[in-house]
Amino acid sequence: MKKHIVLLIIISFIPILIFNFFLNSKTDTKLETVSIEKIKKKEKLSIITLNNIHGYYIYKGMPMGFEYDLAKAFSDAIGLRLEVKVVKDYEEMIPALIAGNGDIIAAGMTKTQNRQKRVRFCKSYMNTQYNLISNRSMPKIRNIQYLDGKTILAGAELLYEENLLSFLYKDADFKIKILNNIQTSALIKRVSEGDLDVTVANSNIAILNRRYYPQSVISIPVSNKIHMAWAVNRGENDLAEKIDSFFVKIKQNGKFNRIYNQYFADVDSFDYVDIAIFHRRLKTRLPKYEKIIKEAAGKKGFDWRLITAQIYQESHFKKYAKSSSKAYGLMQLTKGTAKSLGVNKIYDPVQNINAGVKYLRRLYKLYDKYKGIDRLYTALAAYNIGQGHIYDARMLAKKMGKDPNKWFSLTKMLPLLNQKKYYNDSVYGFCRGAEPLRYVKQITIYYDILKHKYAKDTLLVLTSKPPLPPDRQVVLPVSGTVSKPLSSNLTSYPNFNNAKNIQLY
């Protein structure tokens, strides 16, 4: 009898369960539809990000940044105008998203348990890891126990990596001072200069910064791989799925790599001796020619830091440099090129630099079928190896079904021109094709260091809408977002068994 009663109760609940299932399904569908329809109705996609090289910045009046370029590609893909909203730090992002101040957080945010309770993360598009950062002159750090009894200074972003802090505390007894208004890069600088023994940094930031601060050393990892992803409001499943599909597509067609390489190309390339010498010569040799370079670059519309990077690659700022191929001076002009550009004193810095910049501008104008950074790379390669070999590489690309107006195609074709079966059929013959690739690569590394060193020429902190034409992207700082005091976040992390060891400044 009891069995029959239980069975009847179960059967009576089945219609209710089915009703609830369909009700929830409709609710989810409604949420998904509202998410996309709202965005399309306002005819713009709004992202929340940070004002830095990884996120978003203005350079020569134009919007740039790794996350910005990814978001622009996504907004173009779904046919909407892009709006950028800038917040001060990671702490403000999720409240801004929940308050409706943006549609997506696009800022290299890492997935953590605490954050996933508040927003929906899309699939990861990049991974990172945290490492200890020490000074090159210190003994090598071999294990986490090195931290026992020490106090570590760290940037505010570390506070939000609750899993990392739990991982650290499990194996070592130490204290952390979280500096609320100090970026990790500034702490790496202090380690490099010997003011700090050690700090903790995201590996992506650490790898990039060792170019700028070559005395810093990336030491042992102190976390597992951490996933970076865009985030949307919970329930906005349709938007999240579109984002996931977008990243799959751009990773397959190479667009993701092209955007990544624009900001982080050759970031793993690090020759300590070369970079250390470069930093030293920026202090000892560059000042003699800085004014000349700025004036020459300005006349022809080039960033003076780019020209500085090229001059260093050509001559290491040596006025009387002479190569085995009979090129002379700071910009290594041949006598024929110098004469065609009106130079009568080839070692004179003013004449040599102005002629070199003029020649680079001439090449840049010549390769007008190339777009964006491809045009500059091709012009630099032609400066190094000559227009003739660039012509041969382009013809070979056509013959092999590659786009001759892409730098990527030239990077594959130029090295082939040192092989007989390819250069026999070319107009200009044998070419040391790997050389211009190394040339361009080194210039981009030096240029990156110079952009960081002279950051006022690159990074503009947004305090108002930038002066862009009305048909360009609208950029607004987020206003009216109220964040809790930084210290209040401690209680929200259940893994902080050692919260007493965290000091906030």
Protein backbone atom coordinates (compact mmCIF):
# COMPACT_ATOMS: atom_id res chain seq x y z
CA MET A 1 0.00 0.00 0.00
CA LYS A 2 2.82 2.40 0.95
CA LYS A 3 4.57 1.66 -2.35
CA HIS A 4 1.38 2.62 -4.27
CA ILE A 5 1.10 5.91 -2.33
CA VAL A 6 4.74 6.81 -3.07
CA LEU A 7 4.21 5.98 -6.75
CA LEU A 8 1.09 8.17 -6.90
CA ILE A 9 2.97 11.07 -5.29
CA ILE A 10 5.83 10.76 -7.80
CA ILE A 11 3.38 10.60 -10.73
CA SER A 12 1.52 13.67 -9.44
CA PHE A 13 4.76 15.70 -9.43
CA ILE A 14 5.71 14.82 -13.03
CA PRO A 15 3.39 17.45 -14.68
CA ILE A 16 4.76 20.12 -12.30
CA LEU A 17 8.35 19.21 -13.18
CA ILE A 18 7.57 19.28 -16.92
CA PHE A 19 5.84 22.66 -16.54
CA ASN A 20 8.82 24.09 -14.67
CA PHE A 21 11.23 22.74 -17.26
CA PHE A 22 9.42 24.49 -20.11
CA LEU A 23 8.99 27.64 -18.04
CA ASN A 24 12.72 27.80 -17.31
CA SER A 25 13.57 27.06 -20.94
CA LYS A 26 11.38 29.95 -22.07
CA THR A 27 12.93 32.23 -19.45
CA ASP A 28 16.46 31.37 -20.63
CA THR A 29 15.46 31.91 -24.25
CA LYS A 30 13.96 35.26 -23.33
CA LEU A 31 17.16 36.30 -21.56
CA GLU A 32 19.25 35.34 -24.57
CA THR A 33 16.98 37.20 -27.00
CA VAL A 34 16.86 40.33 -24.82
CA SER A 35 20.65 40.38 -24.58
CA ILE A 36 21.27 40.48 -28.33
CA GLU A 37 18.18 42.53 -29.19
CA LYS A 38 19.10 45.24 -26.69
CA ILE A 39 22.56 45.57 -28.20
CA LYS A 40 21.24 45.67 -31.77
CA LYS A 41 18.55 48.16 -30.82
CA LYS A 42 21.08 50.67 -29.49
CA GLU A 43 23.25 49.97 -32.60
CA LYS A 44 26.45 49.77 -30.61
CA LEU A 45 28.47 47.29 -28.59
CA SER A 46 29.91 48.62 -25.32
CA ILE A 47 33.02 47.14 -23.73
CA ILE A 48 34.43 47.83 -20.28
CA THR A 49 38.23 47.86 -20.19
CA LEU A 50 41.36 49.48 -18.74
CA ASN A 51 43.48 52.34 -20.05
CA ASN A 52 46.73 50.51 -20.78
CA ILE A 53 48.58 48.87 -23.66
CA HIS A 54 46.82 45.54 -23.14
CA GLY A 55 43.37 47.13 -22.96
CA TYR A 56 42.91 50.48 -24.68
CA TYR A 57 44.79 53.71 -25.33
CA ILE A 58 44.99 56.59 -27.80
CA TYR A 59 48.04 56.93 -30.04
CA LYS A 60 48.32 59.85 -32.46
CA GLY A 61 44.59 60.44 -32.11
CA MET A 62 43.70 56.83 -32.96
CA PRO A 63 42.29 54.16 -30.62
CA MET A 64 44.55 51.18 -30.05
CA GLY A 65 45.14 48.28 -27.63
CA PHE A 66 45.09 44.49 -27.80
CA GLU A 67 41.63 44.13 -26.23
CA TYR A 68 40.34 47.11 -28.20
CA ASP A 69 41.40 45.58 -31.52
CA LEU A 70 39.80 42.25 -30.61
CA ALA A 71 36.59 44.01 -29.59
CA LYS A 72 36.61 46.13 -32.76
CA ALA A 73 36.94 42.96 -34.84
CA PHE A 74 33.99 41.44 -32.94
CA SER A 75 31.79 44.53 -33.29
CA ASP A 76 32.56 44.63 -37.02
CA ALA A 77 31.67 40.94 -37.29
CA ILE A 78 28.20 41.53 -35.82
CA GLY A 79 27.72 44.84 -37.65
CA LEU A 80 27.73 47.25 -34.71
CA ARG A 81 29.62 50.38 -33.73
CA LEU A 82 32.07 49.94 -30.86
CA GLU A 83 31.86 52.02 -27.68
CA VAL A 84 34.67 51.86 -25.10
CA LYS A 85 34.11 52.58 -21.43
CA VAL A 86 37.19 52.89 -19.25
CA VAL A 87 37.36 52.10 -15.53
CA LYS A 88 40.21 52.63 -13.06
CA ASP A 89 40.87 49.02 -12.10
CA TYR A 90 39.57 45.46 -12.09
CA GLU A 91 37.55 46.10 -8.94
CA GLU A 92 35.21 48.45 -10.81
CA MET A 93 34.59 46.21 -13.80
CA ILE A 94 32.01 43.73 -12.56
CA PRO A 95 29.89 46.37 -10.76
CA ALA A 96 29.97 48.45 -13.96
CA LEU A 97 28.84 45.46 -16.03
CA ILE A 98 26.05 44.52 -13.63
CA ALA A 99 24.90 48.17 -13.49
CA GLY A 100 24.44 48.08 -17.28
CA ASN A 101 27.35 50.40 -18.12
CA GLY A 102 28.64 47.97 -20.73
CA ASP A 103 27.87 44.73 -22.55
CA ILE A 104 31.23 42.95 -22.22
CA ILE A 105 34.29 43.09 -19.95
CA ALA A 106 37.24 42.91 -22.33
CA ALA A 107 40.38 43.50 -20.27
CA GLY A 108 42.36 40.28 -19.90
CA MET A 109 40.37 39.40 -16.80
CA THR A 110 41.19 36.02 -15.28
CA LYS A 111 38.55 33.48 -14.32
CA THR A 112 38.26 33.03 -10.55
CA GLN A 113 35.65 31.27 -8.46
CA ASN A 114 34.51 34.51 -6.88
CA ARG A 115 34.10 36.30 -10.22
CA GLN A 116 32.26 33.37 -11.81
CA LYS A 117 29.57 33.69 -9.12
CA ARG A 118 28.79 37.19 -10.39
CA VAL A 119 29.26 37.10 -14.17
CA ARG A 120 29.35 34.60 -17.01
CA PHE A 121 32.81 34.08 -18.48
CA CYS A 122 33.18 33.16 -22.12
CA LYS A 123 35.69 30.53 -23.20
CA SER A 124 39.31 31.37 -22.51
CA TYR A 125 41.25 33.00 -25.36
CA MET A 126 44.64 33.17 -23.57
CA ASN A 127 46.39 31.63 -20.58
CA THR A 128 48.79 33.15 -18.10
CA GLN A 129 50.64 32.18 -14.94
CA TYR A 130 52.11 33.95 -11.93
CA ASN A 131 55.86 33.94 -11.23
CA LEU A 132 58.22 35.35 -8.66
CA ILE A 133 60.30 38.20 -10.09
CA SER A 134 63.79 38.76 -8.70
CA ASN A 135 66.93 40.74 -9.53
CA ARG A 136 69.58 39.23 -11.81
CA SER A 137 72.29 39.82 -9.22
CA MET A 138 70.50 37.72 -6.58
CA PRO A 139 71.06 33.99 -6.02
CA LYS A 140 68.66 31.86 -8.06
CA ILE A 141 65.33 31.15 -6.33
CA ARG A 142 64.81 27.39 -6.32
CA ASN A 143 61.56 26.90 -4.38
CA ILE A 144 58.67 28.70 -2.73
CA GLN A 145 60.22 28.33 0.73
CA TYR A 146 62.45 31.26 -0.26
CA LEU A 147 59.50 33.43 0.82
CA ASP A 148 59.49 32.19 4.44
CA GLY A 149 59.61 35.12 6.82
CA LYS A 150 59.61 37.71 4.01
CA THR A 151 57.22 40.50 3.08
CA ILE A 152 56.30 40.80 -0.59
CA LEU A 153 55.05 43.97 -2.24
CA ALA A 154 52.46 43.27 -4.94
CA GLY A 155 50.11 45.18 -7.22
CA ALA A 156 46.40 45.49 -6.44
CA GLU A 157 45.40 42.95 -9.11
CA LEU A 158 46.94 40.19 -6.98
CA LEU A 159 44.20 40.68 -4.42
CA TYR A 160 41.61 39.31 -6.86
CA GLU A 161 43.53 36.09 -7.55
CA GLU A 162 42.20 34.22 -4.53
CA ASN A 163 43.33 30.79 -5.77
CA LEU A 164 46.88 32.03 -6.22
CA LEU A 165 47.09 33.44 -2.72
CA SER A 166 45.78 30.20 -1.22
CA PHE A 167 48.37 28.30 -3.27
CA LEU A 168 51.16 30.51 -1.95
CA TYR A 169 50.12 30.32 1.67
CA LYS A 170 49.92 26.54 1.55
CA ASP A 171 53.68 26.18 1.04
CA ALA A 172 55.26 29.24 2.64
CA ASP A 173 54.90 31.55 5.63
CA PHE A 174 55.18 35.18 4.55
CA LYS A 175 53.33 38.48 4.35
CA ILE A 176 52.01 40.40 1.36
CA LYS A 177 51.67 44.15 1.14
CA ILE A 178 49.08 45.01 -1.51
CA LEU A 179 49.77 48.46 -2.96
CA ASN A 180 46.44 49.76 -4.18
CA ASN A 181 47.71 52.47 -6.53
CA ILE A 182 50.86 50.77 -7.85
CA GLN A 183 50.94 48.77 -11.08
CA THR A 184 52.87 45.52 -11.27
CA SER A 185 55.19 46.97 -13.91
CA ALA A 186 56.31 49.65 -11.45
CA LEU A 187 57.20 46.96 -8.90
CA ILE A 188 59.15 45.01 -11.55
CA LYS A 189 61.07 48.23 -12.21
CA ARG A 190 61.92 48.52 -8.51
CA VAL A 191 63.11 44.89 -8.43
CA SER A 192 65.24 45.53 -11.53
CA GLU A 193 66.80 48.59 -9.89
CA GLY A 194 67.55 46.66 -6.70
CA ASP A 195 65.06 48.49 -4.47
CA LEU A 196 63.04 45.29 -3.90
CA ASP A 197 64.18 41.70 -3.53
CA VAL A 198 61.14 40.08 -5.10
CA THR A 199 57.58 40.62 -6.31
CA VAL A 200 54.86 38.48 -7.91
CA ALA A 201 53.68 39.11 -11.47
CA ASN A 202 51.50 37.75 -14.21
CA SER A 203 53.84 35.98 -16.66
CA ASN A 204 52.56 37.96 -19.68
CA ILE A 205 53.34 41.24 -17.92
CA ALA A 206 56.68 39.89 -16.66
CA ILE A 207 57.85 38.73 -20.10
CA LEU A 208 56.98 42.06 -21.68
CA ASN A 209 58.59 44.09 -18.89
CA ARG A 210 61.95 42.31 -18.90
CA ARG A 211 62.70 44.19 -22.13
CA TYR A 212 62.15 47.43 -20.28
CA TYR A 213 63.88 46.32 -17.07
CA PRO A 214 66.52 43.77 -18.14
CA GLN A 215 67.86 43.29 -14.60
CA SER A 216 64.58 41.62 -13.65
CA VAL A 217 64.49 37.82 -13.82
CA ILE A 218 61.39 35.66 -14.18
CA SER A 219 61.82 33.08 -11.45
CA ILE A 220 59.80 30.05 -10.36
CA PRO A 221 56.06 29.80 -11.13
CA VAL A 222 53.78 30.21 -8.12
CA SER A 223 50.51 29.22 -9.78
CA ASN A 224 49.05 26.83 -12.28
CA LYS A 225 47.82 28.11 -15.64
CA ILE A 226 45.20 30.82 -15.21
CA HIS A 227 42.59 31.41 -17.91
CA MET A 228 41.85 34.87 -19.34
CA ALA A 229 38.44 35.51 -20.90
CA TRP A 230 35.80 38.10 -21.72
CA ALA A 231 32.81 38.27 -19.37
CA VAL A 232 29.12 39.11 -19.82
CA ASN A 233 26.19 39.34 -17.44
CA ARG A 234 24.76 36.07 -16.18
CA GLY A 235 21.97 34.79 -18.41
CA GLU A 236 23.33 36.44 -21.55
CA ASN A 237 24.03 33.07 -23.13
CA ASP A 238 23.45 34.11 -26.73
CA LEU A 239 26.03 36.90 -26.52
CA ALA A 240 28.52 34.56 -24.83
CA GLU A 241 28.05 31.95 -27.56
CA LYS A 242 28.59 34.55 -30.28
CA ILE A 243 31.82 35.63 -28.58
CA ASP A 244 33.00 32.02 -28.30
CA SER A 245 32.26 31.41 -32.01
CA PHE A 246 34.07 34.63 -32.91
CA PHE A 247 37.27 33.58 -31.12
CA VAL A 248 37.17 30.13 -32.73
CA LYS A 249 36.89 31.77 -36.15
CA ILE A 250 39.65 34.37 -35.75
CA LYS A 251 42.03 31.75 -34.35
CA GLN A 252 41.37 29.58 -37.39
CA ASN A 253 41.73 32.34 -39.99
CA GLY A 254 44.82 33.89 -38.36
CA LYS A 255 43.27 37.24 -37.38
CA PHE A 256 43.87 36.60 -33.66
CA ASN A 257 47.58 36.01 -34.29
CA ARG A 258 47.83 39.16 -36.40
CA ILE A 259 46.30 41.27 -33.63
CA TYR A 260 48.41 39.54 -30.98
CA ASN A 261 51.62 40.05 -32.94
CA GLN A 262 50.89 43.75 -33.37
CA TYR A 263 51.29 44.19 -29.60
CA PHE A 264 53.31 41.22 -28.41
CA ALA A 265 55.35 40.15 -31.44
CA ASP A 266 58.61 38.46 -30.45
CA VAL A 267 57.81 39.10 -26.79
CA ASP A 268 59.63 35.86 -25.96
CA SER A 269 62.77 37.07 -27.74
CA PHE A 270 65.14 38.24 -25.05
CA ASP A 271 68.87 38.69 -25.39
CA TYR A 272 69.92 40.10 -22.02
CA VAL A 273 73.33 41.37 -23.20
CA ASP A 274 71.90 43.10 -26.26
CA ILE A 275 68.98 44.67 -24.38
CA ALA A 276 71.19 45.80 -21.48
CA ILE A 277 73.63 47.47 -23.91
CA PHE A 278 70.72 49.14 -25.73
CA HIS A 279 69.43 50.65 -22.48
CA ARG A 280 72.92 51.88 -21.63
CA ARG A 281 73.42 53.49 -25.04
CA LEU A 282 70.08 55.25 -24.83
CA LYS A 283 71.67 57.16 -21.94
CA THR A 284 75.19 57.62 -23.31
CA ARG A 285 74.79 57.99 -27.10
CA LEU A 286 71.20 58.91 -28.00
CA PRO A 287 71.19 62.40 -26.39
CA LYS A 288 73.69 63.63 -29.04
CA TYR A 289 71.22 62.87 -31.84
CA GLU A 290 67.79 62.98 -30.20
CA LYS A 291 66.89 66.49 -31.38
CA ILE A 292 68.02 65.75 -34.95
CA ILE A 293 66.01 62.52 -35.02
CA LYS A 294 62.86 64.19 -33.71
CA GLU A 295 63.05 66.97 -36.29
CA ALA A 296 63.78 64.61 -39.20
CA ALA A 297 61.05 62.15 -38.20
CA GLY A 298 58.53 64.93 -37.67
CA LYS A 299 59.08 66.35 -41.16
CA LYS A 300 58.22 62.99 -42.76
CA GLY A 301 55.44 61.93 -40.39
CA PHE A 302 57.28 59.14 -38.59
CA ASP A 303 57.37 58.41 -34.88
CA TRP A 304 60.82 59.56 -33.76
CA ARG A 305 61.12 56.46 -31.59
CA LEU A 306 60.74 54.22 -34.64
CA ILE A 307 63.55 56.09 -36.41
CA THR A 308 65.67 55.85 -33.25
CA ALA A 309 65.14 52.08 -33.19
CA GLN A 310 66.15 51.84 -36.85
CA ILE A 311 69.27 53.96 -36.34
CA TYR A 312 70.36 51.78 -33.44
CA GLN A 313 69.85 48.64 -35.52
CA GLU A 314 71.85 50.19 -38.37
CA SER A 315 74.79 51.70 -36.48
CA HIS A 316 74.35 51.45 -32.68
CA PHE A 317 74.38 55.29 -32.72
CA LYS A 318 77.94 55.31 -34.13
CA LYS A 319 78.47 58.42 -36.25
CA TYR A 320 81.35 56.91 -38.25
CA ALA A 321 79.94 53.40 -38.66
CA LYS A 322 80.97 51.67 -41.89
CA SER A 323 79.72 48.24 -42.94
CA SER A 324 81.40 45.56 -45.06
CA SER A 325 78.81 46.30 -47.76
CA LYS A 326 80.04 49.91 -47.94
CA ALA A 327 77.21 51.65 -46.14
CA TYR A 328 78.07 54.70 -44.04
CA GLY A 329 77.00 56.70 -41.02
CA LEU A 330 74.18 56.53 -38.53
CA MET A 331 71.60 55.31 -41.05
CA GLN A 332 74.06 53.29 -43.14
CA LEU A 333 73.57 54.98 -46.49
CA THR A 334 75.36 53.75 -49.59
CA LYS A 335 77.15 56.47 -51.56
CA GLY A 336 74.72 56.08 -54.44
CA THR A 337 71.66 56.49 -52.25
CA ALA A 338 73.26 59.38 -50.36
CA LYS A 339 74.05 61.22 -53.61
CA SER A 340 70.50 60.73 -54.94
CA LEU A 341 69.20 62.31 -51.72
CA GLY A 342 71.47 65.35 -51.89
CA VAL A 343 73.99 64.30 -49.23
CA ASN A 344 77.50 65.73 -49.67
CA LYS A 345 78.84 64.90 -46.20
CA ILE A 346 77.83 61.31 -45.56
CA TYR A 347 79.01 61.21 -41.94
CA ASP A 348 77.28 64.44 -40.99
CA PRO A 349 74.50 63.42 -38.54
CA VAL A 350 71.98 65.99 -39.79
CA GLN A 351 72.44 65.08 -43.46
CA ASN A 352 72.68 61.34 -42.84
CA ILE A 353 69.61 61.10 -40.62
CA ASN A 354 67.45 63.36 -42.76
CA ALA A 355 68.41 61.43 -45.90
CA GLY A 356 67.71 58.08 -44.25
CA VAL A 357 64.29 59.18 -43.05
CA LYS A 358 63.52 60.65 -46.48
CA TYR A 359 64.47 57.37 -48.13
CA LEU A 360 62.30 55.36 -45.71
CA ARG A 361 59.35 57.67 -46.48
CA ARG A 362 59.94 57.12 -50.21
CA LEU A 363 59.79 53.35 -49.69
CA TYR A 364 56.70 53.66 -47.49
CA LYS A 365 54.91 55.55 -50.27
CA LEU A 366 56.00 52.93 -52.79
CA TYR A 367 54.31 50.05 -50.96
CA ASP A 368 50.86 51.62 -50.80
CA LYS A 369 49.09 48.31 -51.56
CA TYR A 370 50.04 47.05 -48.11
CA LYS A 371 47.79 47.86 -45.17
CA GLY A 372 48.57 48.89 -41.61
CA ILE A 373 51.74 47.62 -40.02
CA ASP A 374 52.47 45.42 -43.08
CA ARG A 375 53.32 48.54 -45.05
CA LEU A 376 55.88 49.74 -42.50
CA TYR A 377 57.51 46.30 -42.17
CA THR A 378 57.83 46.02 -45.95
CA ALA A 379 59.36 49.49 -46.22
CA LEU A 380 61.88 48.64 -43.49
CA ALA A 381 62.75 45.34 -45.17
CA ALA A 382 63.30 47.16 -48.47
CA TYR A 383 65.56 49.68 -46.71
CA ASN A 384 67.65 46.75 -45.50
CA ILE A 385 67.71 44.38 -48.49
CA GLY A 386 66.72 46.58 -51.42
CA GLN A 387 63.57 47.04 -53.50
CA GLY A 388 64.69 44.47 -56.05
CA HIS A 389 64.62 41.54 -53.65
CA ILE A 390 61.24 42.66 -52.30
CA TYR A 391 60.02 42.61 -55.90
CA ASP A 392 61.33 39.05 -56.37
CA ALA A 393 59.68 37.92 -53.13
CA ARG A 394 56.35 39.41 -54.21
CA MET A 395 56.54 37.71 -57.61
CA LEU A 396 57.37 34.40 -55.93
CA ALA A 397 54.40 34.85 -53.59
CA LYS A 398 52.11 35.35 -56.59
CA LYS A 399 53.53 32.28 -58.28
CA MET A 400 52.91 30.19 -55.15
CA GLY A 401 49.36 31.44 -54.68
CA LYS A 402 50.12 33.72 -51.75
CA ASP A 403 48.98 37.31 -51.32
CA PRO A 404 51.96 39.46 -52.41
CA ASN A 405 50.58 42.43 -50.47
CA LYS A 406 50.90 40.77 -47.07
CA TRP A 407 54.02 40.98 -44.90
CA PHE A 408 53.31 37.43 -43.75
CA SER A 409 53.75 36.23 -47.36
CA LEU A 410 57.09 38.02 -47.63
CA THR A 411 58.34 36.40 -44.43
CA LYS A 412 57.84 33.02 -46.13
CA MET A 413 59.17 33.99 -49.57
CA LEU A 414 62.30 36.01 -48.73
CA PRO A 415 64.16 33.09 -47.07
CA LEU A 416 63.50 30.96 -50.17
CA LEU A 417 65.52 33.39 -52.29
CA ASN A 418 68.78 32.03 -50.93
CA GLN A 419 67.99 28.67 -52.56
CA LYS A 420 69.17 28.15 -56.13
CA LYS A 421 65.92 26.68 -57.43
CA TYR A 422 64.13 29.90 -56.46
CA TYR A 423 66.69 32.65 -57.10
CA ASN A 424 67.59 31.23 -60.54
CA ASP A 425 64.13 32.25 -61.72
CA SER A 426 64.20 35.67 -60.03
CA VAL A 427 65.13 39.03 -61.56
CA TYR A 428 67.59 40.15 -58.88
CA GLY A 429 69.13 36.80 -57.99
CA PHE A 430 70.48 35.46 -54.72
CA CYS A 431 69.23 37.13 -51.54
CA ARG A 432 70.13 36.65 -47.88
CA GLY A 433 66.42 36.47 -47.20
CA ALA A 434 66.55 35.82 -43.47
CA GLU A 435 68.46 39.07 -42.90
CA PRO A 436 65.57 41.55 -43.48
CA LEU A 437 63.36 39.44 -41.21
CA ARG A 438 65.89 39.72 -38.37
CA TYR A 439 66.29 43.42 -39.19
CA VAL A 440 62.56 44.14 -38.85
CA LYS A 441 62.27 41.96 -35.75
CA GLN A 442 65.09 43.80 -33.92
CA ILE A 443 63.68 47.20 -34.83
CA THR A 444 60.27 46.23 -33.45
CA ILE A 445 61.91 45.10 -30.18
CA TYR A 446 63.88 48.34 -29.80
CA TYR A 447 60.85 50.37 -30.82
CA ASP A 448 58.73 48.64 -28.20
CA ILE A 449 61.29 49.50 -25.50
CA LEU A 450 61.42 53.12 -26.65
CA LYS A 451 57.61 53.42 -26.66
CA HIS A 452 57.60 52.24 -23.08
CA LYS A 453 60.52 54.42 -22.01
CA TYR A 454 58.95 57.50 -23.58
CA ALA A 455 55.39 56.49 -22.74
CA LYS A 456 54.03 60.05 -22.66
CA ASP A 457 54.15 59.93 -26.44
CA THR A 458 52.00 56.79 -26.46
CA LEU A 459 49.64 56.40 -23.55
CA LEU A 460 47.07 59.10 -22.86
CA VAL A 461 45.04 58.71 -19.70
CA LEU A 462 41.39 59.26 -20.62
CA THR A 463 39.71 62.06 -18.71
CA SER A 464 37.24 63.00 -21.43
CA LYS A 465 36.00 61.96 -24.83
CA PRO A 466 38.99 61.88 -27.24
CA PRO A 467 38.95 64.12 -30.32
CA LEU A 468 37.83 61.57 -32.89
CA PRO A 469 35.50 62.19 -35.86
CA PRO A 470 31.83 61.43 -35.10
CA ASP A 471 31.84 58.35 -37.31
CA ARG A 472 34.66 56.85 -35.25
CA GLN A 473 34.27 54.96 -31.99
CA VAL A 474 32.60 56.75 -29.09
CA VAL A 475 34.70 56.54 -25.94
CA LEU A 476 33.35 57.43 -22.53
CA PRO A 477 34.74 56.88 -19.03
CA VAL A 478 32.33 55.03 -16.78
CA SER A 479 30.73 57.40 -14.30
CA GLY A 480 28.57 56.84 -11.27
CA THR A 481 30.06 53.43 -10.44
CA VAL A 482 30.53 53.10 -6.70
CA SER A 483 33.01 50.48 -5.53
CA LYS A 484 33.45 49.11 -2.03
CA PRO A 485 36.72 49.86 -0.22
CA LEU A 486 39.46 47.51 -1.36
CA SER A 487 39.86 45.93 2.06
CA SER A 488 36.22 44.77 2.09
CA ASN A 489 37.03 42.24 -0.60
CA LEU A 490 38.96 40.11 1.87
CA THR A 491 35.84 38.74 3.49
CA SER A 492 34.41 37.59 0.16
CA TYR A 493 37.19 35.07 -0.42
CA PRO A 494 36.61 31.85 1.52
CA ASN A 495 40.11 30.59 0.71
CA PHE A 496 41.84 33.37 2.66
CA ASN A 497 42.84 31.41 5.73
CA ASN A 498 45.85 33.70 6.09
CA ALA A 499 44.03 37.00 5.54
CA LYS A 500 45.85 38.41 8.58
CA ASN A 501 49.04 38.28 6.50
CA ILE A 502 47.67 40.68 3.87
CA GLN A 503 48.26 44.37 4.43
CA LEU A 504 46.63 46.97 2.19
CA TYR A 505 48.25 50.30 1.33
